[in-house]
Amino acid sequence: MSEAMIEGFRLSPQQQHVWSLQSADANTPYRAQGTILIEGPIDPTRLLAALTDVIERYEILRTTFQYLQGMALPLQMVAEPSALAMPFYDLAKDGASAAGELQN
């Protein structure tokens, strides 16, 4: 019987530190996120295509930490590109209800 090969990379010292902080308190996620204000008309299809292109081009945007049984620390694993699902909210039409959805 052949064994499955797992491809991954060791964590850097900085990543190990973040992992240890996250492991100590699972209720405090350590992640980066941001918000972009776009003023004026936008074509959601073109925006989604551009973001998909960037995610396909840069592996770091598809990298996750995978904890495998028997290992002290997780591995960095790069996922294959996949379809991006992104909701769009038109705040110009009904800002109050859209803002409420964004809070959830």
N, C-alpha and C. Protein backbone atom coordinates (compact mmCIF):
# COMPACT_ATOMS: atom_id res chain seq x y z
N MET A 1 0.86 -1.18 0.00
CA MET A 1 0.00 0.00 0.00
C MET A 1 0.90 1.24 0.00
N SER A 2 0.61 2.18 -0.88
CA SER A 2 1.42 3.39 -0.95
C SER A 2 0.88 4.45 0.01
N GLU A 3 1.81 5.24 0.54
CA GLU A 3 1.42 6.30 1.46
C GLU A 3 1.17 7.58 0.69
N ALA A 4 0.22 8.36 1.14
CA ALA A 4 -0.07 9.65 0.51
C ALA A 4 1.06 10.62 0.83
N MET A 5 1.49 11.36 -0.17
CA MET A 5 2.56 12.34 0.04
C MET A 5 1.92 13.68 0.36
N ILE A 6 2.42 14.31 1.39
CA ILE A 6 1.91 15.61 1.80
C ILE A 6 2.97 16.65 1.50
N GLU A 7 2.58 17.67 0.75
CA GLU A 7 3.50 18.74 0.43
C GLU A 7 3.17 19.95 1.29
N GLY A 8 4.16 20.42 2.00
CA GLY A 8 3.96 21.58 2.85
C GLY A 8 5.29 22.17 3.24
N PHE A 9 5.25 23.25 3.97
CA PHE A 9 6.46 23.97 4.37
C PHE A 9 6.41 24.22 5.87
N ARG A 10 7.57 24.22 6.48
CA ARG A 10 7.65 24.54 7.91
C ARG A 10 7.24 25.98 8.15
N LEU A 11 6.77 26.23 9.35
CA LEU A 11 6.42 27.60 9.73
C LEU A 11 7.69 28.38 10.02
N SER A 12 7.66 29.67 9.70
CA SER A 12 8.76 30.55 10.08
C SER A 12 8.67 30.81 11.59
N PRO A 13 9.73 31.33 12.21
CA PRO A 13 9.64 31.65 13.64
C PRO A 13 8.48 32.60 13.97
N GLN A 14 8.23 33.57 13.11
CA GLN A 14 7.11 34.50 13.36
C GLN A 14 5.77 33.76 13.28
N GLN A 15 5.64 32.87 12.30
CA GLN A 15 4.40 32.11 12.17
C GLN A 15 4.22 31.17 13.37
N GLN A 16 5.31 30.59 13.84
CA GLN A 16 5.22 29.73 15.03
C GLN A 16 4.72 30.52 16.23
N HIS A 17 5.17 31.76 16.36
CA HIS A 17 4.73 32.61 17.47
C HIS A 17 3.22 32.89 17.37
N VAL A 18 2.75 33.25 16.18
CA VAL A 18 1.32 33.51 16.00
C VAL A 18 0.52 32.24 16.26
N TRP A 19 1.04 31.11 15.80
CA TRP A 19 0.36 29.84 16.03
C TRP A 19 0.24 29.55 17.53
N SER A 20 1.30 29.80 18.28
CA SER A 20 1.25 29.54 19.72
C SER A 20 0.26 30.47 20.41
N LEU A 21 0.18 31.72 19.98
CA LEU A 21 -0.80 32.65 20.54
C LEU A 21 -2.22 32.18 20.24
N GLN A 22 -2.45 31.78 18.99
CA GLN A 22 -3.77 31.31 18.58
C GLN A 22 -4.14 30.04 19.35
N SER A 23 -3.20 29.15 19.52
CA SER A 23 -3.47 27.89 20.23
C SER A 23 -3.80 28.12 21.70
N ALA A 24 -3.19 29.14 22.29
CA ALA A 24 -3.42 29.43 23.71
C ALA A 24 -4.82 29.99 23.95
N ASP A 25 -5.37 30.72 22.98
CA ASP A 25 -6.69 31.33 23.14
C ASP A 25 -7.43 31.26 21.81
N ALA A 26 -8.16 30.18 21.60
CA ALA A 26 -8.86 29.96 20.34
C ALA A 26 -9.96 30.99 20.09
N ASN A 27 -10.38 31.73 21.11
CA ASN A 27 -11.42 32.74 20.94
C ASN A 27 -10.89 34.05 20.38
N THR A 28 -9.58 34.17 20.24
CA THR A 28 -8.98 35.38 19.70
C THR A 28 -8.26 35.04 18.39
N PRO A 29 -8.97 35.14 17.27
CA PRO A 29 -8.33 34.78 16.00
C PRO A 29 -7.28 35.80 15.59
N TYR A 30 -6.20 35.30 15.04
CA TYR A 30 -5.14 36.16 14.51
C TYR A 30 -5.22 36.08 12.99
N ARG A 31 -5.73 37.12 12.39
CA ARG A 31 -5.85 37.15 10.94
C ARG A 31 -5.82 38.59 10.47
N ALA A 32 -5.53 38.75 9.23
CA ALA A 32 -5.51 40.09 8.64
C ALA A 32 -6.75 40.25 7.77
N GLN A 33 -7.36 41.39 7.87
CA GLN A 33 -8.51 41.69 7.03
C GLN A 33 -8.56 43.18 6.82
N GLY A 34 -9.30 43.60 5.83
CA GLY A 34 -9.38 45.02 5.55
C GLY A 34 -10.66 45.35 4.81
N THR A 35 -10.92 46.61 4.70
CA THR A 35 -12.08 47.12 3.99
C THR A 35 -11.60 48.16 3.00
N ILE A 36 -12.20 48.15 1.83
CA ILE A 36 -11.84 49.12 0.80
C ILE A 36 -13.10 49.89 0.42
N LEU A 37 -13.02 51.20 0.46
CA LEU A 37 -14.12 52.04 0.02
C LEU A 37 -13.90 52.37 -1.45
N ILE A 38 -14.86 52.00 -2.27
CA ILE A 38 -14.80 52.29 -3.70
C ILE A 38 -15.90 53.28 -4.01
N GLU A 39 -15.52 54.44 -4.46
CA GLU A 39 -16.50 55.47 -4.81
C GLU A 39 -16.68 55.49 -6.32
N GLY A 40 -17.92 55.65 -6.74
CA GLY A 40 -18.20 55.69 -8.16
C GLY A 40 -18.67 54.33 -8.67
N PRO A 41 -19.01 54.28 -9.95
CA PRO A 41 -19.53 53.03 -10.52
C PRO A 41 -18.45 51.94 -10.57
N ILE A 42 -18.90 50.72 -10.43
CA ILE A 42 -17.99 49.57 -10.47
C ILE A 42 -18.67 48.41 -11.19
N ASP A 43 -17.88 47.67 -11.91
CA ASP A 43 -18.38 46.47 -12.58
C ASP A 43 -18.00 45.27 -11.71
N PRO A 44 -18.95 44.68 -10.99
CA PRO A 44 -18.64 43.57 -10.08
C PRO A 44 -17.96 42.40 -10.79
N THR A 45 -18.34 42.13 -12.03
CA THR A 45 -17.74 41.02 -12.76
C THR A 45 -16.26 41.25 -13.00
N ARG A 46 -15.90 42.46 -13.40
CA ARG A 46 -14.49 42.78 -13.64
C ARG A 46 -13.69 42.79 -12.34
N LEU A 47 -14.29 43.29 -11.26
CA LEU A 47 -13.61 43.29 -9.97
C LEU A 47 -13.33 41.86 -9.51
N LEU A 48 -14.32 41.00 -9.62
CA LEU A 48 -14.16 39.60 -9.23
C LEU A 48 -13.08 38.92 -10.08
N ALA A 49 -13.07 39.21 -11.38
CA ALA A 49 -12.05 38.63 -12.27
C ALA A 49 -10.65 39.10 -11.88
N ALA A 50 -10.51 40.38 -11.54
CA ALA A 50 -9.20 40.91 -11.14
C ALA A 50 -8.73 40.28 -9.83
N LEU A 51 -9.63 40.16 -8.85
CA LEU A 51 -9.26 39.54 -7.57
C LEU A 51 -8.90 38.06 -7.75
N THR A 52 -9.64 37.38 -8.60
CA THR A 52 -9.35 35.97 -8.89
C THR A 52 -7.96 35.84 -9.49
N ASP A 53 -7.61 36.74 -10.41
CA ASP A 53 -6.30 36.73 -11.05
C ASP A 53 -5.18 36.92 -10.02
N VAL A 54 -5.37 37.85 -9.10
CA VAL A 54 -4.36 38.11 -8.07
C VAL A 54 -4.20 36.89 -7.16
N ILE A 55 -5.30 36.28 -6.76
CA ILE A 55 -5.24 35.10 -5.89
C ILE A 55 -4.58 33.93 -6.59
N GLU A 56 -4.84 33.77 -7.89
CA GLU A 56 -4.18 32.70 -8.65
C GLU A 56 -2.69 32.95 -8.77
N ARG A 57 -2.29 34.20 -8.90
CA ARG A 57 -0.89 34.56 -9.13
C ARG A 57 -0.03 34.41 -7.87
N TYR A 58 -0.57 34.75 -6.71
CA TYR A 58 0.23 34.78 -5.48
C TYR A 58 -0.18 33.66 -4.53
N GLU A 59 0.71 32.68 -4.39
CA GLU A 59 0.43 31.51 -3.54
C GLU A 59 0.14 31.88 -2.09
N ILE A 60 0.76 32.93 -1.60
CA ILE A 60 0.58 33.29 -0.19
C ILE A 60 -0.90 33.57 0.12
N LEU A 61 -1.67 33.98 -0.87
CA LEU A 61 -3.09 34.26 -0.66
C LEU A 61 -3.92 32.97 -0.64
N ARG A 62 -3.28 31.85 -0.95
CA ARG A 62 -3.96 30.55 -0.91
C ARG A 62 -3.31 29.61 0.10
N THR A 63 -2.51 30.17 0.99
CA THR A 63 -1.77 29.37 1.95
C THR A 63 -2.50 29.30 3.29
N THR A 64 -2.60 28.09 3.81
CA THR A 64 -3.23 27.88 5.11
C THR A 64 -2.29 27.05 5.98
N PHE A 65 -2.56 27.04 7.27
CA PHE A 65 -1.83 26.19 8.20
C PHE A 65 -2.67 24.93 8.41
N GLN A 66 -2.08 23.78 8.17
CA GLN A 66 -2.78 22.52 8.36
C GLN A 66 -2.07 21.73 9.46
N TYR A 67 -2.82 21.43 10.50
CA TYR A 67 -2.27 20.65 11.62
C TYR A 67 -2.51 19.18 11.33
N LEU A 68 -1.44 18.41 11.29
CA LEU A 68 -1.53 16.98 11.02
C LEU A 68 -1.26 16.20 12.30
N GLN A 69 -1.99 15.13 12.49
CA GLN A 69 -1.86 14.32 13.71
C GLN A 69 -0.42 13.87 13.89
N GLY A 70 0.07 14.01 15.11
CA GLY A 70 1.42 13.58 15.43
C GLY A 70 2.48 14.64 15.24
N MET A 71 2.10 15.79 14.73
CA MET A 71 3.07 16.87 14.52
C MET A 71 2.91 17.93 15.59
N ALA A 72 4.02 18.47 16.05
CA ALA A 72 3.98 19.51 17.09
C ALA A 72 3.47 20.82 16.54
N LEU A 73 3.81 21.12 15.30
CA LEU A 73 3.40 22.37 14.65
C LEU A 73 2.75 22.05 13.32
N PRO A 74 1.88 22.92 12.83
CA PRO A 74 1.26 22.68 11.53
C PRO A 74 2.25 22.94 10.40
N LEU A 75 1.82 22.61 9.20
CA LEU A 75 2.56 22.92 7.98
C LEU A 75 1.83 24.01 7.23
N GLN A 76 2.57 24.78 6.46
CA GLN A 76 1.95 25.71 5.51
C GLN A 76 1.62 24.88 4.27
N MET A 77 0.39 24.96 3.82
CA MET A 77 0.00 24.22 2.62
C MET A 77 -0.66 25.18 1.66
N VAL A 78 -0.27 25.09 0.39
CA VAL A 78 -0.79 25.97 -0.64
C VAL A 78 -1.92 25.26 -1.37
N ALA A 79 -3.09 25.86 -1.35
CA ALA A 79 -4.26 25.29 -2.03
C ALA A 79 -4.21 25.62 -3.51
N GLU A 80 -4.83 24.78 -4.30
CA GLU A 80 -4.97 25.05 -5.72
C GLU A 80 -5.95 26.21 -5.90
N PRO A 81 -5.78 26.99 -6.96
CA PRO A 81 -6.75 28.07 -7.22
C PRO A 81 -8.16 27.49 -7.36
N SER A 82 -9.13 28.20 -6.85
CA SER A 82 -10.52 27.77 -6.95
C SER A 82 -11.40 29.00 -7.18
N ALA A 83 -12.65 28.73 -7.48
CA ALA A 83 -13.59 29.83 -7.74
C ALA A 83 -13.74 30.69 -6.49
N LEU A 84 -13.74 31.98 -6.70
CA LEU A 84 -13.89 32.94 -5.61
C LEU A 84 -15.35 33.35 -5.50
N ALA A 85 -15.90 33.24 -4.31
CA ALA A 85 -17.28 33.68 -4.06
C ALA A 85 -17.20 34.93 -3.21
N MET A 86 -17.80 36.00 -3.69
CA MET A 86 -17.73 37.26 -2.96
C MET A 86 -19.07 37.99 -3.08
N PRO A 87 -19.69 38.29 -1.94
CA PRO A 87 -20.95 39.03 -2.00
C PRO A 87 -20.69 40.50 -2.32
N PHE A 88 -21.62 41.11 -3.00
CA PHE A 88 -21.56 42.54 -3.30
C PHE A 88 -22.77 43.21 -2.66
N TYR A 89 -22.53 44.36 -2.04
CA TYR A 89 -23.60 45.13 -1.40
C TYR A 89 -23.61 46.51 -2.03
N ASP A 90 -24.76 46.90 -2.53
CA ASP A 90 -24.90 48.24 -3.10
C ASP A 90 -25.40 49.17 -2.00
N LEU A 91 -24.49 49.87 -1.36
CA LEU A 91 -24.85 50.74 -0.25
C LEU A 91 -25.59 51.98 -0.71
N ALA A 92 -25.50 52.30 -2.00
CA ALA A 92 -26.20 53.48 -2.52
C ALA A 92 -27.71 53.25 -2.55
N LYS A 93 -28.15 52.02 -2.74
CA LYS A 93 -29.57 51.73 -2.84
C LYS A 93 -30.25 51.73 -1.48
N ASP A 94 -29.73 50.97 -0.56
CA ASP A 94 -30.33 50.88 0.77
C ASP A 94 -29.22 50.68 1.79
N GLY A 95 -28.55 51.75 2.09
CA GLY A 95 -27.39 51.71 2.96
C GLY A 95 -27.65 51.13 4.33
N ALA A 96 -28.79 51.42 4.92
CA ALA A 96 -29.07 50.96 6.29
C ALA A 96 -29.18 49.44 6.36
N SER A 97 -29.95 48.84 5.45
CA SER A 97 -30.12 47.38 5.52
C SER A 97 -28.84 46.67 5.09
N ALA A 98 -28.12 47.21 4.11
CA ALA A 98 -26.86 46.59 3.69
C ALA A 98 -25.83 46.68 4.80
N ALA A 99 -25.79 47.80 5.49
CA ALA A 99 -24.85 47.96 6.60
C ALA A 99 -25.16 46.95 7.70
N GLY A 100 -26.45 46.69 7.93
CA GLY A 100 -26.84 45.70 8.92
C GLY A 100 -26.38 44.30 8.53
N GLU A 101 -26.48 43.97 7.24
CA GLU A 101 -26.00 42.67 6.76
C GLU A 101 -24.50 42.54 6.96
N LEU A 102 -23.77 43.62 6.73
CA LEU A 102 -22.32 43.59 6.86
C LEU A 102 -21.90 43.40 8.31
N GLN A 103 -22.72 43.83 9.26
CA GLN A 103 -22.41 43.67 10.67
C GLN A 103 -22.47 42.20 11.08
N ASN A 104 -23.27 41.42 10.38
CA ASN A 104 -23.44 39.99 10.72
C ASN A 104 -22.32 39.22 10.21
